[in-house]
Amino acid sequence: MQWRKLMWIAWPAFLVAGLLEMLVFALVDPQDLHWFGQPVELARAGVYTLAFFAFWGMAGLASALTLLLAQEKD
């Protein structure tokens, strides 16, 4: 049962992260990004990877919160 709940969280979060990745980087060039006033020195693929995992984590937290709030109390 725990694996099923994990997939209820991870799979929608994965799909949302992929969509966000496409939308954000259709508008933003990773080479133009700055972090605390300094240009980001990662390669484009590195920025894409870190952003995807950040989006996946945030969407996963939202999915987990939804699952938590949807649970019935006995």
N, C-alpha and C. Protein backbone atom coordinates (compact mmCIF):
# COMPACT_ATOMS: atom_id res chain seq x y z
N MET A 1 0.83 -1.21 0.00
CA MET A 1 0.00 0.00 0.00
C MET A 1 0.86 1.26 0.00
N GLN A 2 2.00 1.22 0.67
CA GLN A 2 2.87 2.41 0.73
C GLN A 2 3.44 2.75 -0.64
N TRP A 3 3.77 1.70 -1.43
CA TRP A 3 4.30 1.95 -2.78
C TRP A 3 3.26 2.63 -3.64
N ARG A 4 2.00 2.24 -3.47
CA ARG A 4 0.93 2.86 -4.25
C ARG A 4 0.80 4.34 -3.89
N LYS A 5 0.86 4.67 -2.62
CA LYS A 5 0.78 6.07 -2.20
C LYS A 5 1.98 6.86 -2.71
N LEU A 6 3.15 6.22 -2.68
CA LEU A 6 4.34 6.89 -3.20
C LEU A 6 4.17 7.21 -4.68
N MET A 7 3.60 6.29 -5.43
CA MET A 7 3.38 6.53 -6.86
C MET A 7 2.29 7.57 -7.09
N TRP A 8 1.31 7.66 -6.19
CA TRP A 8 0.30 8.71 -6.29
C TRP A 8 0.93 10.08 -6.12
N ILE A 9 2.04 10.13 -5.42
CA ILE A 9 2.75 11.39 -5.21
C ILE A 9 3.77 11.62 -6.32
N ALA A 10 4.60 10.61 -6.60
CA ALA A 10 5.75 10.80 -7.49
C ALA A 10 5.37 10.95 -8.96
N TRP A 11 4.42 10.16 -9.45
CA TRP A 11 4.11 10.21 -10.87
C TRP A 11 3.49 11.54 -11.31
N PRO A 12 2.45 12.06 -10.65
CA PRO A 12 1.94 13.36 -11.06
C PRO A 12 2.99 14.47 -10.90
N ALA A 13 3.80 14.37 -9.85
CA ALA A 13 4.84 15.37 -9.64
C ALA A 13 5.86 15.33 -10.76
N PHE A 14 6.20 14.13 -11.23
CA PHE A 14 7.13 13.97 -12.35
C PHE A 14 6.57 14.63 -13.62
N LEU A 15 5.30 14.39 -13.89
CA LEU A 15 4.67 14.98 -15.08
C LEU A 15 4.63 16.50 -14.99
N VAL A 16 4.29 17.02 -13.83
CA VAL A 16 4.24 18.47 -13.64
C VAL A 16 5.63 19.08 -13.76
N ALA A 17 6.63 18.40 -13.22
CA ALA A 17 8.01 18.90 -13.31
C ALA A 17 8.46 18.97 -14.76
N GLY A 18 8.12 17.95 -15.55
CA GLY A 18 8.47 17.98 -16.96
C GLY A 18 7.79 19.13 -17.70
N LEU A 19 6.52 19.36 -17.40
CA LEU A 19 5.79 20.46 -18.02
C LEU A 19 6.39 21.81 -17.61
N LEU A 20 6.66 21.98 -16.31
CA LEU A 20 7.27 23.23 -15.84
C LEU A 20 8.63 23.46 -16.48
N GLU A 21 9.40 22.40 -16.62
CA GLU A 21 10.73 22.50 -17.24
C GLU A 21 10.61 23.05 -18.66
N MET A 22 9.67 22.50 -19.42
CA MET A 22 9.48 22.97 -20.80
C MET A 22 9.01 24.41 -20.83
N LEU A 23 8.07 24.76 -19.97
CA LEU A 23 7.54 26.12 -19.97
C LEU A 23 8.58 27.16 -19.54
N VAL A 24 9.28 26.88 -18.46
CA VAL A 24 10.25 27.84 -17.94
C VAL A 24 11.40 28.04 -18.93
N PHE A 25 11.95 26.95 -19.44
CA PHE A 25 13.13 27.09 -20.29
C PHE A 25 12.79 27.38 -21.75
N ALA A 26 11.51 27.46 -22.07
CA ALA A 26 11.12 28.03 -23.35
C ALA A 26 11.25 29.55 -23.31
N LEU A 27 11.21 30.09 -22.09
CA LEU A 27 11.27 31.55 -21.93
C LEU A 27 12.60 32.05 -21.36
N VAL A 28 13.34 31.18 -20.68
CA VAL A 28 14.56 31.58 -19.98
C VAL A 28 15.75 30.80 -20.52
N ASP A 29 16.81 31.51 -20.84
CA ASP A 29 18.06 30.86 -21.25
C ASP A 29 18.90 30.63 -20.00
N PRO A 30 19.31 29.39 -19.73
CA PRO A 30 20.09 29.12 -18.52
C PRO A 30 21.39 29.92 -18.43
N GLN A 31 21.95 30.32 -19.56
CA GLN A 31 23.19 31.09 -19.53
C GLN A 31 22.96 32.54 -19.08
N ASP A 32 21.71 33.00 -19.07
CA ASP A 32 21.39 34.36 -18.63
C ASP A 32 21.05 34.44 -17.15
N LEU A 33 21.04 33.31 -16.45
CA LEU A 33 20.65 33.29 -15.04
C LEU A 33 21.78 33.82 -14.15
N HIS A 34 21.37 34.48 -13.07
CA HIS A 34 22.31 34.97 -12.06
C HIS A 34 21.87 34.47 -10.69
N TRP A 35 22.82 34.15 -9.82
CA TRP A 35 22.56 33.69 -8.46
C TRP A 35 23.31 34.61 -7.52
N PHE A 36 22.58 35.38 -6.72
CA PHE A 36 23.15 36.37 -5.81
C PHE A 36 24.08 37.34 -6.55
N GLY A 37 23.64 37.78 -7.71
CA GLY A 37 24.39 38.76 -8.47
C GLY A 37 25.52 38.21 -9.33
N GLN A 38 25.81 36.93 -9.21
CA GLN A 38 26.87 36.29 -9.99
C GLN A 38 26.25 35.39 -11.05
N PRO A 39 26.84 35.36 -12.24
CA PRO A 39 26.30 34.45 -13.26
C PRO A 39 26.46 32.98 -12.84
N VAL A 40 25.49 32.19 -13.19
CA VAL A 40 25.53 30.76 -12.90
C VAL A 40 26.57 30.13 -13.82
N GLU A 41 27.52 29.40 -13.26
CA GLU A 41 28.62 28.86 -14.04
C GLU A 41 28.43 27.40 -14.41
N LEU A 42 27.21 26.90 -14.29
CA LEU A 42 26.92 25.52 -14.69
C LEU A 42 26.63 25.47 -16.19
N ALA A 43 26.85 24.31 -16.76
CA ALA A 43 26.46 24.11 -18.15
C ALA A 43 24.93 24.10 -18.24
N ARG A 44 24.43 24.32 -19.43
CA ARG A 44 22.97 24.33 -19.61
C ARG A 44 22.34 23.03 -19.09
N ALA A 45 22.94 21.90 -19.40
CA ALA A 45 22.38 20.61 -18.95
C ALA A 45 22.34 20.54 -17.43
N GLY A 46 23.31 21.10 -16.76
CA GLY A 46 23.32 21.12 -15.30
C GLY A 46 22.19 21.96 -14.74
N VAL A 47 21.95 23.11 -15.35
CA VAL A 47 20.85 23.97 -14.91
C VAL A 47 19.52 23.27 -15.15
N TYR A 48 19.37 22.65 -16.32
CA TYR A 48 18.14 21.92 -16.62
C TYR A 48 17.90 20.81 -15.61
N THR A 49 18.95 20.08 -15.26
CA THR A 49 18.84 18.97 -14.33
C THR A 49 18.46 19.44 -12.93
N LEU A 50 19.16 20.45 -12.43
CA LEU A 50 18.86 20.97 -11.10
C LEU A 50 17.45 21.56 -11.04
N ALA A 51 17.07 22.28 -12.08
CA ALA A 51 15.72 22.86 -12.11
C ALA A 51 14.66 21.77 -12.14
N PHE A 52 14.89 20.71 -12.93
CA PHE A 52 13.91 19.63 -12.98
C PHE A 52 13.72 19.01 -11.61
N PHE A 53 14.81 18.71 -10.91
CA PHE A 53 14.67 18.09 -9.59
C PHE A 53 14.05 19.06 -8.58
N ALA A 54 14.32 20.34 -8.70
CA ALA A 54 13.67 21.32 -7.82
C ALA A 54 12.16 21.37 -8.11
N PHE A 55 11.79 21.39 -9.39
CA PHE A 55 10.37 21.38 -9.75
C PHE A 55 9.71 20.09 -9.28
N TRP A 56 10.40 18.96 -9.44
CA TRP A 56 9.85 17.67 -9.04
C TRP A 56 9.64 17.64 -7.52
N GLY A 57 10.61 18.17 -6.78
CA GLY A 57 10.47 18.21 -5.33
C GLY A 57 9.31 19.07 -4.87
N MET A 58 9.16 20.25 -5.48
CA MET A 58 8.06 21.14 -5.10
C MET A 58 6.70 20.53 -5.47
N ALA A 59 6.61 19.95 -6.65
CA ALA A 59 5.36 19.32 -7.05
C ALA A 59 5.08 18.09 -6.19
N GLY A 60 6.12 17.37 -5.80
CA GLY A 60 5.96 16.22 -4.92
C GLY A 60 5.43 16.63 -3.55
N LEU A 61 5.93 17.73 -3.03
CA LEU A 61 5.41 18.23 -1.76
C LEU A 61 3.94 18.61 -1.87
N ALA A 62 3.57 19.23 -2.98
CA ALA A 62 2.17 19.60 -3.18
C ALA A 62 1.29 18.35 -3.29
N SER A 63 1.77 17.33 -4.01
CA SER A 63 1.01 16.08 -4.13
C SER A 63 0.89 15.38 -2.78
N ALA A 64 1.97 15.37 -2.02
CA ALA A 64 1.95 14.73 -0.70
C ALA A 64 0.99 15.45 0.24
N LEU A 65 0.97 16.76 0.18
CA LEU A 65 0.05 17.52 1.02
C LEU A 65 -1.39 17.23 0.63
N THR A 66 -1.65 17.14 -0.67
CA THR A 66 -3.00 16.80 -1.14
C THR A 66 -3.41 15.42 -0.63
N LEU A 67 -2.51 14.45 -0.71
CA LEU A 67 -2.81 13.09 -0.23
C LEU A 67 -3.05 13.11 1.28
N LEU A 68 -2.25 13.86 2.00
CA LEU A 68 -2.42 13.95 3.45
C LEU A 68 -3.77 14.56 3.81
N LEU A 69 -4.15 15.61 3.11
CA LEU A 69 -5.42 16.28 3.42
C LEU A 69 -6.63 15.46 2.97
N ALA A 70 -6.42 14.57 1.99
CA ALA A 70 -7.54 13.76 1.48
C ALA A 70 -7.80 12.53 2.33
N GLN A 71 -6.92 12.20 3.25
CA GLN A 71 -7.12 11.01 4.08
C GLN A 71 -8.30 11.23 5.02
N GLU A 72 -9.08 10.19 5.15
CA GLU A 72 -10.23 10.25 6.05
C GLU A 72 -9.78 9.95 7.48
N LYS A 73 -10.31 10.67 8.41
CA LYS A 73 -10.04 10.43 9.83
C LYS A 73 -11.03 9.42 10.36
N ASP A 74 -10.55 8.50 11.18
CA ASP A 74 -11.45 7.48 11.75
C ASP A 74 -12.21 8.02 12.93
